[in-house]
Amino acid sequence: MNLLIQHCLNSEFAPLRLNVKKNLADISLFKNEIHCLISDCKVNVLRSSEFVDKMRLDFFVKFTEMVLSSYQMNDLSFEVIVNFNDGPQNDSEETRFCFARPRHSPHICIPDSHLFKTISICNAIENIDIEFDKKLNTAVFFGSDTGAHYNNSVQRINLCRRYKNSDLVKAKITNFVEFPFEDEISAAHTSIQDQLKHKYILNINGNTTSWERLIWALKSNSVCLFVRPPSYQDEISWYYHIFDLVQGVLYVDEYSIESFVKSAGSDEKYIQSIKTAQKNLANYLDKIDVHAFYYSEVLKKYNSFYNES
């Protein structure tokens, strides 16, 4: 088994963190959740909350059944609660499947519903990107304030406010959903192609993690700078465990982005090594097979936990 996948599985299935329940019928569902039976390579929805995101539900059912069939897992049979929000509610105590989660929560990460869009963007990157030396010596973030009820997206707002007059950091909100409109930090929608004209792409967590942006930014000829999230927003997607083992993800503090941009140009060898490591990481993560294999192992391990409890 791929050692990186094994590391992710060991982290997701740490026994002291999980709270796998066999009898789920009496467990209340939060908004945007389902209780389902996975058996005979099919997903059967047993219960659902009042609101369920149909697009994310459809992705979950189709992707799950594709993986079950591809890996011939006819013998699996278990029930599970699946959360279709960006991340599960912090007060949910029983283990759920989710697209992203707080690091110390009892939940298990599965591939997120933007997976196919992310891979499509990555496949198009080389056709719209330019060489690093031709890019502007600036760091850039253009994106939504996100807008769910988690109130984690305040970091995006604060960063845009901090650098609103900066010549080295171009950070703007293109869609105000959660916060009142602020003219000084607003901008029109900016395409990925235009963002790739800058040497440094900022990845800033939204409601939870940033599902599409991180991987395509790693794939690009720019350098992806992961703005370190505050402690209350220590959220992860399944592949974040890989960052503990391999070089590639370059973290910066919110207040030090300008100084990084100023000093980075003096160490071309270091920047080139980071760019190479980031591309290698992205070339691993932009494959459907990698996510499908990880998910197949999740399904098998959860089945084992569920039926042994």
C-alpha atoms as a PDB file:
ATOM      1  CA  MET A   1       0.000   0.000   0.000  1.00  0.00           C
ATOM      2  CA  ASN A   2       1.174   3.508  -0.748  1.00  0.00           C
ATOM      3  CA  LEU A   3       2.938   4.768   2.389  1.00  0.00           C
ATOM      4  CA  LEU A   4       1.363   8.217   2.109  1.00  0.00           C
ATOM      5  CA  ILE A   5      -2.134   6.720   1.995  1.00  0.00           C
ATOM      6  CA  GLN A   6      -1.290   4.447   4.917  1.00  0.00           C
ATOM      7  CA  HIS A   7      -0.199   7.453   6.950  1.00  0.00           C
ATOM      8  CA  CYS A   8      -3.462   9.247   6.166  1.00  0.00           C
ATOM      9  CA  LEU A   9      -5.499   6.196   7.156  1.00  0.00           C
ATOM     10  CA  ASN A  10      -3.613   5.770  10.416  1.00  0.00           C
ATOM     11  CA  SER A  11      -4.322   9.407  11.239  1.00  0.00           C
ATOM     12  CA  GLU A  12      -8.004   9.245  10.282  1.00  0.00           C
ATOM     13  CA  PHE A  13      -8.612   5.997  12.158  1.00  0.00           C
ATOM     14  CA  ALA A  14      -6.768   6.750  15.376  1.00  0.00           C
ATOM     15  CA  PRO A  15      -8.847   4.667  17.827  1.00  0.00           C
ATOM     16  CA  LEU A  16      -8.730   7.158  20.706  1.00  0.00           C
ATOM     17  CA  ARG A  17     -10.243   9.850  18.469  1.00  0.00           C
ATOM     18  CA  LEU A  18     -13.082   7.883  16.870  1.00  0.00           C
ATOM     19  CA  ASN A  19     -16.552   7.326  18.283  1.00  0.00           C
ATOM     20  CA  VAL A  20     -18.057   4.775  15.881  1.00  0.00           C
ATOM     21  CA  LYS A  21     -21.600   3.777  16.824  1.00  0.00           C
ATOM     22  CA  LYS A  22     -23.390   0.723  15.470  1.00  0.00           C
ATOM     23  CA  ASN A  23     -26.911   1.805  16.384  1.00  0.00           C
ATOM     24  CA  LEU A  24     -27.441   5.096  14.542  1.00  0.00           C
ATOM     25  CA  ALA A  25     -31.236   5.148  14.404  1.00  0.00           C
ATOM     26  CA  ASP A  26     -31.579   7.211  17.580  1.00  0.00           C
ATOM     27  CA  ILE A  27     -28.832   9.706  16.772  1.00  0.00           C
ATOM     28  CA  SER A  28     -30.175  13.103  15.732  1.00  0.00           C
ATOM     29  CA  LEU A  29     -29.094  14.461  12.381  1.00  0.00           C
ATOM     30  CA  PHE A  30     -27.735  17.953  12.011  1.00  0.00           C
ATOM     31  CA  LYS A  31     -28.615  20.105   9.015  1.00  0.00           C
ATOM     32  CA  ASN A  32     -27.333  18.704   5.706  1.00  0.00           C
ATOM     33  CA  GLU A  33     -26.761  15.153   6.907  1.00  0.00           C
ATOM     34  CA  ILE A  34     -27.904  11.702   5.922  1.00  0.00           C
ATOM     35  CA  HIS A  35     -27.941   8.353   7.685  1.00  0.00           C
ATOM     36  CA  CYS A  36     -27.259   5.670   5.098  1.00  0.00           C
ATOM     37  CA  LEU A  37     -26.611   1.971   4.656  1.00  0.00           C
ATOM     38  CA  ILE A  38     -23.703   0.975   2.431  1.00  0.00           C
ATOM     39  CA  SER A  39     -24.153  -2.617   1.319  1.00  0.00           C
ATOM     40  CA  ASP A  40     -23.934  -4.690  -1.896  1.00  0.00           C
ATOM     41  CA  CYS A  41     -21.975  -1.844  -3.533  1.00  0.00           C
ATOM     42  CA  LYS A  42     -24.941   0.513  -3.120  1.00  0.00           C
ATOM     43  CA  VAL A  43     -25.780   3.540  -0.978  1.00  0.00           C
ATOM     44  CA  ASN A  44     -29.245   3.418   0.554  1.00  0.00           C
ATOM     45  CA  VAL A  45     -30.378   6.591   2.336  1.00  0.00           C
ATOM     46  CA  LEU A  46     -32.252   5.606   5.493  1.00  0.00           C
ATOM     47  CA  ARG A  47     -32.853   9.076   6.935  1.00  0.00           C
ATOM     48  CA  SER A  48     -32.025  12.623   5.983  1.00  0.00           C
ATOM     49  CA  SER A  49     -32.175  16.005   7.657  1.00  0.00           C
ATOM     50  CA  GLU A  50     -34.715  18.596   6.572  1.00  0.00           C
ATOM     51  CA  PHE A  51     -32.186  20.160   4.214  1.00  0.00           C
ATOM     52  CA  VAL A  52     -29.650  18.164   2.186  1.00  0.00           C
ATOM     53  CA  ASP A  53     -27.433  19.647  -0.544  1.00  0.00           C
ATOM     54  CA  LYS A  54     -28.501  17.627  -3.591  1.00  0.00           C
ATOM     55  CA  MET A  55     -25.305  18.230  -5.559  1.00  0.00           C
ATOM     56  CA  ARG A  56     -23.138  16.981  -2.707  1.00  0.00           C
ATOM     57  CA  LEU A  57     -25.449  14.058  -2.019  1.00  0.00           C
ATOM     58  CA  ASP A  58     -25.341  13.037  -5.688  1.00  0.00           C
ATOM     59  CA  PHE A  59     -21.546  13.224  -5.680  1.00  0.00           C
ATOM     60  CA  PHE A  60     -21.332  11.111  -2.540  1.00  0.00           C
ATOM     61  CA  VAL A  61     -23.663   8.413  -3.854  1.00  0.00           C
ATOM     62  CA  LYS A  62     -22.100   8.185  -7.314  1.00  0.00           C
ATOM     63  CA  PHE A  63     -18.489   8.364  -6.140  1.00  0.00           C
ATOM     64  CA  THR A  64     -19.080   5.870  -3.336  1.00  0.00           C
ATOM     65  CA  GLU A  65     -20.815   3.382  -5.615  1.00  0.00           C
ATOM     66  CA  MET A  66     -18.089   3.822  -8.246  1.00  0.00           C
ATOM     67  CA  VAL A  67     -15.372   3.041  -5.688  1.00  0.00           C
ATOM     68  CA  LEU A  68     -17.293   0.105  -4.214  1.00  0.00           C
ATOM     69  CA  SER A  69     -17.783  -1.393  -7.667  1.00  0.00           C
ATOM     70  CA  SER A  70     -14.258  -0.683  -8.933  1.00  0.00           C
ATOM     71  CA  TYR A  71     -12.665  -2.323  -5.916  1.00  0.00           C
ATOM     72  CA  GLN A  72     -15.268  -5.139  -5.825  1.00  0.00           C
ATOM     73  CA  MET A  73     -16.275  -4.556  -2.218  1.00  0.00           C
ATOM     74  CA  ASN A  74     -19.510  -6.531  -2.313  1.00  0.00           C
ATOM     75  CA  ASP A  75     -18.936  -7.880   1.198  1.00  0.00           C
ATOM     76  CA  LEU A  76     -19.035  -4.482   2.918  1.00  0.00           C
ATOM     77  CA  SER A  77     -22.131  -3.684   4.965  1.00  0.00           C
ATOM     78  CA  PHE A  78     -22.393  -0.847   7.463  1.00  0.00           C
ATOM     79  CA  GLU A  79     -24.374   2.248   8.394  1.00  0.00           C
ATOM     80  CA  VAL A  80     -22.860   5.707   8.648  1.00  0.00           C
ATOM     81  CA  ILE A  81     -23.896   9.334   9.054  1.00  0.00           C
ATOM     82  CA  VAL A  82     -22.526  11.613   6.334  1.00  0.00           C
ATOM     83  CA  ASN A  83     -22.236  15.375   6.736  1.00  0.00           C
ATOM     84  CA  PHE A  84     -22.441  17.440   3.529  1.00  0.00           C
ATOM     85  CA  ASN A  85     -21.532  20.834   4.985  1.00  0.00           C
ATOM     86  CA  ASP A  86     -18.042  22.192   4.442  1.00  0.00           C
ATOM     87  CA  GLY A  87     -17.351  20.622   7.825  1.00  0.00           C
ATOM     88  CA  PRO A  88     -19.401  18.988  10.590  1.00  0.00           C
ATOM     89  CA  GLN A  89     -20.787  20.862  13.567  1.00  0.00           C
ATOM     90  CA  ASN A  90     -18.251  21.103  16.371  1.00  0.00           C
ATOM     91  CA  ASP A  91     -20.689  19.636  18.901  1.00  0.00           C
ATOM     92  CA  SER A  92     -21.345  16.407  16.943  1.00  0.00           C
ATOM     93  CA  GLU A  93     -19.878  13.626  19.071  1.00  0.00           C
ATOM     94  CA  GLU A  94     -20.444  10.505  16.986  1.00  0.00           C
ATOM     95  CA  THR A  95     -18.094   9.720  14.117  1.00  0.00           C
ATOM     96  CA  ARG A  96     -19.354  10.923  10.739  1.00  0.00           C
ATOM     97  CA  PHE A  97     -18.002  10.913   7.193  1.00  0.00           C
ATOM     98  CA  CYS A  98     -17.241  14.494   6.129  1.00  0.00           C
ATOM     99  CA  PHE A  99     -15.365  16.431   3.462  1.00  0.00           C
ATOM    100  CA  ALA A 100     -13.223  18.330   5.977  1.00  0.00           C
ATOM    101  CA  ARG A 101     -13.037  18.305   9.759  1.00  0.00           C
ATOM    102  CA  PRO A 102     -11.476  19.929  12.815  1.00  0.00           C
ATOM    103  CA  ARG A 103      -8.188  18.146  13.446  1.00  0.00           C
ATOM    104  CA  HIS A 104      -9.182  16.739  16.844  1.00  0.00           C
ATOM    105  CA  SER A 105     -12.803  15.884  15.993  1.00  0.00           C
ATOM    106  CA  PRO A 106     -14.130  12.287  15.989  1.00  0.00           C
ATOM    107  CA  HIS A 107     -14.912  12.356  12.252  1.00  0.00           C
ATOM    108  CA  ILE A 108     -13.391  10.760   9.151  1.00  0.00           C
ATOM    109  CA  CYS A 109     -12.455  12.723   6.037  1.00  0.00           C
ATOM    110  CA  ILE A 110     -13.539  11.477   2.632  1.00  0.00           C
ATOM    111  CA  PRO A 111     -12.833  13.068  -0.792  1.00  0.00           C
ATOM    112  CA  ASP A 112     -14.771  16.318  -1.176  1.00  0.00           C
ATOM    113  CA  SER A 113     -17.526  17.094  -3.648  1.00  0.00           C
ATOM    114  CA  HIS A 114     -15.361  19.525  -5.651  1.00  0.00           C
ATOM    115  CA  LEU A 115     -12.931  16.745  -6.582  1.00  0.00           C
ATOM    116  CA  PHE A 116     -13.786  16.488 -10.277  1.00  0.00           C
ATOM    117  CA  LYS A 117     -13.801  20.276 -10.707  1.00  0.00           C
ATOM    118  CA  THR A 118     -10.429  20.527  -8.949  1.00  0.00           C
ATOM    119  CA  ILE A 119      -8.894  17.947 -11.258  1.00  0.00           C
ATOM    120  CA  SER A 120     -10.400  19.673 -14.299  1.00  0.00           C
ATOM    121  CA  ILE A 121      -8.772  22.957 -13.249  1.00  0.00           C
ATOM    122  CA  CYS A 122      -5.428  21.222 -12.704  1.00  0.00           C
ATOM    123  CA  ASN A 123      -5.614  19.665 -16.163  1.00  0.00           C
ATOM    124  CA  ALA A 124      -6.075  23.120 -17.687  1.00  0.00           C
ATOM    125  CA  ILE A 125      -3.390  24.922 -15.680  1.00  0.00           C
ATOM    126  CA  GLU A 126      -0.477  24.394 -18.061  1.00  0.00           C
ATOM    127  CA  ASN A 127      -2.491  25.914 -20.908  1.00  0.00           C
ATOM    128  CA  ILE A 128      -3.215  29.169 -19.063  1.00  0.00           C
ATOM    129  CA  ASP A 129      -0.091  29.558 -16.904  1.00  0.00           C
ATOM    130  CA  ILE A 130       3.095  31.489 -17.670  1.00  0.00           C
ATOM    131  CA  GLU A 131       6.715  31.025 -16.616  1.00  0.00           C
ATOM    132  CA  PHE A 132       7.624  32.087 -13.090  1.00  0.00           C
ATOM    133  CA  ASP A 133      10.119  34.728 -14.260  1.00  0.00           C
ATOM    134  CA  LYS A 134       7.393  36.473 -16.273  1.00  0.00           C
ATOM    135  CA  LYS A 135       5.044  36.816 -13.300  1.00  0.00           C
ATOM    136  CA  LEU A 136       4.512  39.888 -11.142  1.00  0.00           C
ATOM    137  CA  ASN A 137       6.476  39.905  -7.890  1.00  0.00           C
ATOM    138  CA  THR A 138       3.330  39.957  -5.783  1.00  0.00           C
ATOM    139  CA  ALA A 139       1.216  37.627  -3.650  1.00  0.00           C
ATOM    140  CA  VAL A 140      -2.452  37.381  -4.577  1.00  0.00           C
ATOM    141  CA  PHE A 141      -5.762  36.268  -3.134  1.00  0.00           C
ATOM    142  CA  PHE A 142      -9.097  36.851  -4.856  1.00  0.00           C
ATOM    143  CA  GLY A 143     -12.046  34.931  -3.472  1.00  0.00           C
ATOM    144  CA  SER A 144     -15.296  34.809  -1.568  1.00  0.00           C
ATOM    145  CA  ASP A 145     -15.679  35.527   2.121  1.00  0.00           C
ATOM    146  CA  THR A 146     -17.197  31.999   1.925  1.00  0.00           C
ATOM    147  CA  GLY A 147     -20.455  32.546   3.795  1.00  0.00           C
ATOM    148  CA  ALA A 148     -21.518  29.592   5.926  1.00  0.00           C
ATOM    149  CA  HIS A 149     -22.396  29.809   9.594  1.00  0.00           C
ATOM    150  CA  TYR A 150     -19.024  28.664  10.923  1.00  0.00           C
ATOM    151  CA  ASN A 151     -17.707  32.251  11.073  1.00  0.00           C
ATOM    152  CA  ASN A 152     -14.215  31.038  10.204  1.00  0.00           C
ATOM    153  CA  SER A 153     -13.873  33.143   7.078  1.00  0.00           C
ATOM    154  CA  VAL A 154     -13.011  36.187   9.186  1.00  0.00           C
ATOM    155  CA  GLN A 155      -9.352  35.424   8.392  1.00  0.00           C
ATOM    156  CA  ARG A 156      -9.948  36.237   4.735  1.00  0.00           C
ATOM    157  CA  ILE A 157     -11.599  39.528   5.652  1.00  0.00           C
ATOM    158  CA  ASN A 158      -8.866  40.483   8.123  1.00  0.00           C
ATOM    159  CA  LEU A 159      -6.096  39.679   5.674  1.00  0.00           C
ATOM    160  CA  CYS A 160      -7.697  41.795   2.963  1.00  0.00           C
ATOM    161  CA  ARG A 161      -8.042  44.677   5.399  1.00  0.00           C
ATOM    162  CA  ARG A 162      -4.430  44.318   6.522  1.00  0.00           C
ATOM    163  CA  TYR A 163      -3.059  44.547   2.986  1.00  0.00           C
ATOM    164  CA  LYS A 164      -5.616  46.848   1.362  1.00  0.00           C
ATOM    165  CA  ASN A 165      -2.918  49.444   0.531  1.00  0.00           C
ATOM    166  CA  SER A 166      -0.054  47.033  -0.125  1.00  0.00           C
ATOM    167  CA  ASP A 167       1.914  46.988  -3.371  1.00  0.00           C
ATOM    168  CA  LEU A 168       3.170  43.452  -2.692  1.00  0.00           C
ATOM    169  CA  VAL A 169      -0.003  41.711  -1.523  1.00  0.00           C
ATOM    170  CA  LYS A 170      -3.131  41.917  -3.663  1.00  0.00           C
ATOM    171  CA  ALA A 171      -5.939  40.498  -1.523  1.00  0.00           C
ATOM    172  CA  LYS A 172      -9.575  41.227  -2.313  1.00  0.00           C
ATOM    173  CA  ILE A 173     -13.017  39.761  -1.665  1.00  0.00           C
ATOM    174  CA  THR A 174     -14.914  39.090  -4.884  1.00  0.00           C
ATOM    175  CA  ASN A 175     -18.151  37.898  -3.288  1.00  0.00           C
ATOM    176  CA  PHE A 176     -19.514  39.100   0.055  1.00  0.00           C
ATOM    177  CA  VAL A 177     -21.834  36.440   1.438  1.00  0.00           C
ATOM    178  CA  GLU A 178     -21.327  36.408   5.180  1.00  0.00           C
ATOM    179  CA  PHE A 179     -19.955  39.908   5.797  1.00  0.00           C
ATOM    180  CA  PRO A 180     -21.248  43.371   4.825  1.00  0.00           C
ATOM    181  CA  PHE A 181     -19.818  44.750   1.603  1.00  0.00           C
ATOM    182  CA  GLU A 182     -16.590  46.769   2.026  1.00  0.00           C
ATOM    183  CA  ASP A 183     -15.594  48.791  -1.000  1.00  0.00           C
ATOM    184  CA  GLU A 184     -11.908  49.098  -0.014  1.00  0.00           C
ATOM    185  CA  ILE A 185     -11.360  45.333  -0.024  1.00  0.00           C
ATOM    186  CA  SER A 186     -13.713  44.386  -2.851  1.00  0.00           C
ATOM    187  CA  ALA A 187     -12.934  43.413  -6.428  1.00  0.00           C
ATOM    188  CA  ALA A 188     -14.711  41.943  -9.405  1.00  0.00           C
ATOM    189  CA  HIS A 189     -14.383  38.238 -10.107  1.00  0.00           C
ATOM    190  CA  THR A 190     -10.795  37.497 -11.095  1.00  0.00           C
ATOM    191  CA  SER A 191     -10.074  34.433 -13.212  1.00  0.00           C
ATOM    192  CA  ILE A 192      -7.512  31.815 -12.303  1.00  0.00           C
ATOM    193  CA  GLN A 193      -5.584  32.803 -15.412  1.00  0.00           C
ATOM    194  CA  ASP A 194      -5.269  36.379 -14.137  1.00  0.00           C
ATOM    195  CA  GLN A 195      -4.283  35.183 -10.662  1.00  0.00           C
ATOM    196  CA  LEU A 196      -1.526  33.088 -12.232  1.00  0.00           C
ATOM    197  CA  LYS A 197       0.166  36.280 -13.411  1.00  0.00           C
ATOM    198  CA  HIS A 198       1.491  36.648  -9.846  1.00  0.00           C
ATOM    199  CA  LYS A 199       4.494  34.779  -8.414  1.00  0.00           C
ATOM    200  CA  TYR A 200       2.771  33.867  -5.147  1.00  0.00           C
ATOM    201  CA  ILE A 201      -0.724  32.420  -4.715  1.00  0.00           C
ATOM    202  CA  LEU A 202      -2.184  32.713  -1.216  1.00  0.00           C
ATOM    203  CA  ASN A 203      -4.240  29.811   0.097  1.00  0.00           C
ATOM    204  CA  ILE A 204      -6.526  30.986   2.930  1.00  0.00           C
ATOM    205  CA  ASN A 205      -8.965  28.662   4.654  1.00  0.00           C
ATOM    206  CA  GLY A 206     -12.636  29.490   4.240  1.00  0.00           C
ATOM    207  CA  ASN A 207     -15.407  27.795   6.172  1.00  0.00           C
ATOM    208  CA  THR A 208     -13.052  24.864   6.604  1.00  0.00           C
ATOM    209  CA  THR A 209     -10.301  24.056   4.116  1.00  0.00           C
ATOM    210  CA  SER A 210     -10.015  25.437   0.597  1.00  0.00           C
ATOM    211  CA  TRP A 211     -11.006  22.491  -1.573  1.00  0.00           C
ATOM    212  CA  GLU A 212     -10.062  23.641  -5.081  1.00  0.00           C
ATOM    213  CA  ARG A 213      -7.572  26.454  -4.620  1.00  0.00           C
ATOM    214  CA  LEU A 214      -4.812  24.661  -2.735  1.00  0.00           C
ATOM    215  CA  ILE A 215      -4.248  21.879  -5.260  1.00  0.00           C
ATOM    216  CA  TRP A 216      -4.358  24.045  -8.395  1.00  0.00           C
ATOM    217  CA  ALA A 217      -2.078  26.598  -6.736  1.00  0.00           C
ATOM    218  CA  LEU A 218       0.423  23.820  -5.962  1.00  0.00           C
ATOM    219  CA  LYS A 219       0.133  22.660  -9.582  1.00  0.00           C
ATOM    220  CA  SER A 220       0.918  26.087 -11.040  1.00  0.00           C
ATOM    221  CA  ASN A 221       4.238  27.751 -11.888  1.00  0.00           C
ATOM    222  CA  SER A 222       3.618  30.169  -9.013  1.00  0.00           C
ATOM    223  CA  VAL A 223       4.547  29.431  -5.408  1.00  0.00           C
ATOM    224  CA  CYS A 224       1.614  28.544  -3.177  1.00  0.00           C
ATOM    225  CA  LEU A 225       1.776  30.190   0.233  1.00  0.00           C
ATOM    226  CA  PHE A 226      -0.541  28.582   2.780  1.00  0.00           C
ATOM    227  CA  VAL A 227      -1.584  31.309   5.219  1.00  0.00           C
ATOM    228  CA  ARG A 228      -1.404  29.675   8.616  1.00  0.00           C
ATOM    229  CA  PRO A 229      -4.947  29.453  10.043  1.00  0.00           C
ATOM    230  CA  PRO A 230      -5.812  30.543  13.588  1.00  0.00           C
ATOM    231  CA  SER A 231      -5.981  27.798  16.207  1.00  0.00           C
ATOM    232  CA  TYR A 232      -9.789  27.757  16.195  1.00  0.00           C
ATOM    233  CA  GLN A 233      -9.739  26.907  12.485  1.00  0.00           C
ATOM    234  CA  ASP A 234      -7.361  23.962  12.479  1.00  0.00           C
ATOM    235  CA  GLU A 235      -9.354  22.153   9.797  1.00  0.00           C
ATOM    236  CA  ILE A 236      -8.053  19.410   7.519  1.00  0.00           C
ATOM    237  CA  SER A 237      -8.961  17.570   4.341  1.00  0.00           C
ATOM    238  CA  TRP A 238      -7.890  13.936   4.132  1.00  0.00           C
ATOM    239  CA  TYR A 239      -4.647  14.635   2.280  1.00  0.00           C
ATOM    240  CA  TYR A 240      -3.432  17.252   4.789  1.00  0.00           C
ATOM    241  CA  HIS A 241      -1.777  14.391   6.675  1.00  0.00           C
ATOM    242  CA  ILE A 242       0.599  14.057   3.713  1.00  0.00           C
ATOM    243  CA  PHE A 243       1.934  17.532   4.449  1.00  0.00           C
ATOM    244  CA  ASP A 244       3.444  16.140   7.648  1.00  0.00           C
ATOM    245  CA  LEU A 245       5.672  13.824   5.604  1.00  0.00           C
ATOM    246  CA  VAL A 246       6.622  15.557   2.359  1.00  0.00           C
ATOM    247  CA  GLN A 247       8.017  18.940   1.421  1.00  0.00           C
ATOM    248  CA  GLY A 248       5.834  21.231  -0.615  1.00  0.00           C
ATOM    249  CA  VAL A 249       3.345  23.131   1.512  1.00  0.00           C
ATOM    250  CA  LEU A 250       4.919  26.422   2.521  1.00  0.00           C
ATOM    251  CA  TYR A 251       3.213  28.066   5.496  1.00  0.00           C
ATOM    252  CA  VAL A 252       3.377  31.812   6.167  1.00  0.00           C
ATOM    253  CA  ASP A 253       1.889  33.858   8.965  1.00  0.00           C
ATOM    254  CA  GLU A 254      -0.759  36.381   7.995  1.00  0.00           C
ATOM    255  CA  TYR A 255       1.323  39.378   9.104  1.00  0.00           C
ATOM    256  CA  SER A 256       4.576  38.299   7.377  1.00  0.00           C
ATOM    257  CA  ILE A 257       3.489  37.931   3.738  1.00  0.00           C
ATOM    258  CA  GLU A 258       5.014  41.227   2.575  1.00  0.00           C
ATOM    259  CA  SER A 259       8.366  40.440   4.174  1.00  0.00           C
ATOM    260  CA  PHE A 260       8.368  36.989   2.566  1.00  0.00           C
ATOM    261  CA  VAL A 261       7.739  38.452  -0.897  1.00  0.00           C
ATOM    262  CA  LYS A 262      10.519  41.007  -0.359  1.00  0.00           C
ATOM    263  CA  SER A 263      13.095  38.421   0.680  1.00  0.00           C
ATOM    264  CA  ALA A 264      12.119  35.462  -1.521  1.00  0.00           C
ATOM    265  CA  GLY A 265      13.736  36.862  -4.647  1.00  0.00           C
ATOM    266  CA  SER A 266      17.175  36.719  -3.062  1.00  0.00           C
ATOM    267  CA  ASP A 267      17.114  32.933  -2.811  1.00  0.00           C
ATOM    268  CA  GLU A 268      16.241  31.614  -6.263  1.00  0.00           C
ATOM    269  CA  LYS A 269      17.548  28.117  -5.489  1.00  0.00           C
ATOM    270  CA  TYR A 270      15.216  27.767  -2.500  1.00  0.00           C
ATOM    271  CA  ILE A 271      12.199  29.049  -4.442  1.00  0.00           C
ATOM    272  CA  GLN A 272      12.930  26.650  -7.288  1.00  0.00           C
ATOM    273  CA  SER A 273      13.151  23.704  -4.887  1.00  0.00           C
ATOM    274  CA  ILE A 274       9.802  24.684  -3.345  1.00  0.00           C
ATOM    275  CA  LYS A 275       8.177  24.999  -6.765  1.00  0.00           C
ATOM    276  CA  THR A 276       9.440  21.543  -7.751  1.00  0.00           C
ATOM    277  CA  ALA A 277       8.200  19.999  -4.499  1.00  0.00           C
ATOM    278  CA  GLN A 278       4.802  21.651  -4.883  1.00  0.00           C
ATOM    279  CA  LYS A 279       4.358  20.391  -8.420  1.00  0.00           C
ATOM    280  CA  ASN A 280       5.314  16.875  -7.336  1.00  0.00           C
ATOM    281  CA  LEU A 281       2.705  17.031  -4.581  1.00  0.00           C
ATOM    282  CA  ALA A 282       0.038  18.386  -6.938  1.00  0.00           C
ATOM    283  CA  ASN A 283       0.859  15.755  -9.565  1.00  0.00           C
ATOM    284  CA  TYR A 284       0.044  13.164  -6.904  1.00  0.00           C
ATOM    285  CA  LEU A 285      -3.150  14.804  -5.651  1.00  0.00           C
ATOM    286  CA  ASP A 286      -4.692  15.655  -9.026  1.00  0.00           C
ATOM    287  CA  LYS A 287      -5.387  12.012  -9.871  1.00  0.00           C
ATOM    288  CA  ILE A 288      -8.848  10.516  -9.349  1.00  0.00           C
ATOM    289  CA  ASP A 289      -7.239   7.140  -8.675  1.00  0.00           C
ATOM    290  CA  VAL A 290      -5.386   8.452  -5.625  1.00  0.00           C
ATOM    291  CA  HIS A 291      -8.561   9.789  -4.013  1.00  0.00           C
ATOM    292  CA  ALA A 292     -10.503   6.669  -4.988  1.00  0.00           C
ATOM    293  CA  PHE A 293      -7.862   4.348  -3.524  1.00  0.00           C
ATOM    294  CA  TYR A 294      -7.755   6.286  -0.270  1.00  0.00           C
ATOM    295  CA  TYR A 295     -11.563   6.203  -0.096  1.00  0.00           C
ATOM    296  CA  SER A 296     -11.676   2.463  -0.786  1.00  0.00           C
ATOM    297  CA  GLU A 297      -9.402   1.915   2.202  1.00  0.00           C
ATOM    298  CA  VAL A 298     -11.584   4.207   4.338  1.00  0.00           C
ATOM    299  CA  LEU A 299     -14.657   2.154   3.458  1.00  0.00           C
ATOM    300  CA  LYS A 300     -12.905  -1.105   4.332  1.00  0.00           C
ATOM    301  CA  LYS A 301     -11.510   0.182   7.616  1.00  0.00           C
ATOM    302  CA  TYR A 302     -14.801   1.766   8.680  1.00  0.00           C
ATOM    303  CA  ASN A 303     -16.585  -1.476   7.860  1.00  0.00           C
ATOM    304  CA  SER A 304     -14.146  -3.276  10.127  1.00  0.00           C
ATOM    305  CA  PHE A 305     -14.577  -0.763  12.970  1.00  0.00           C
ATOM    306  CA  TYR A 306     -18.359  -0.799  12.630  1.00  0.00           C
ATOM    307  CA  ASN A 307     -18.776  -4.559  12.584  1.00  0.00           C
ATOM    308  CA  GLU A 308     -16.295  -5.199  15.376  1.00  0.00           C
ATOM    309  CA  SER A 309     -17.860  -2.684  17.778  1.00  0.00           C
END
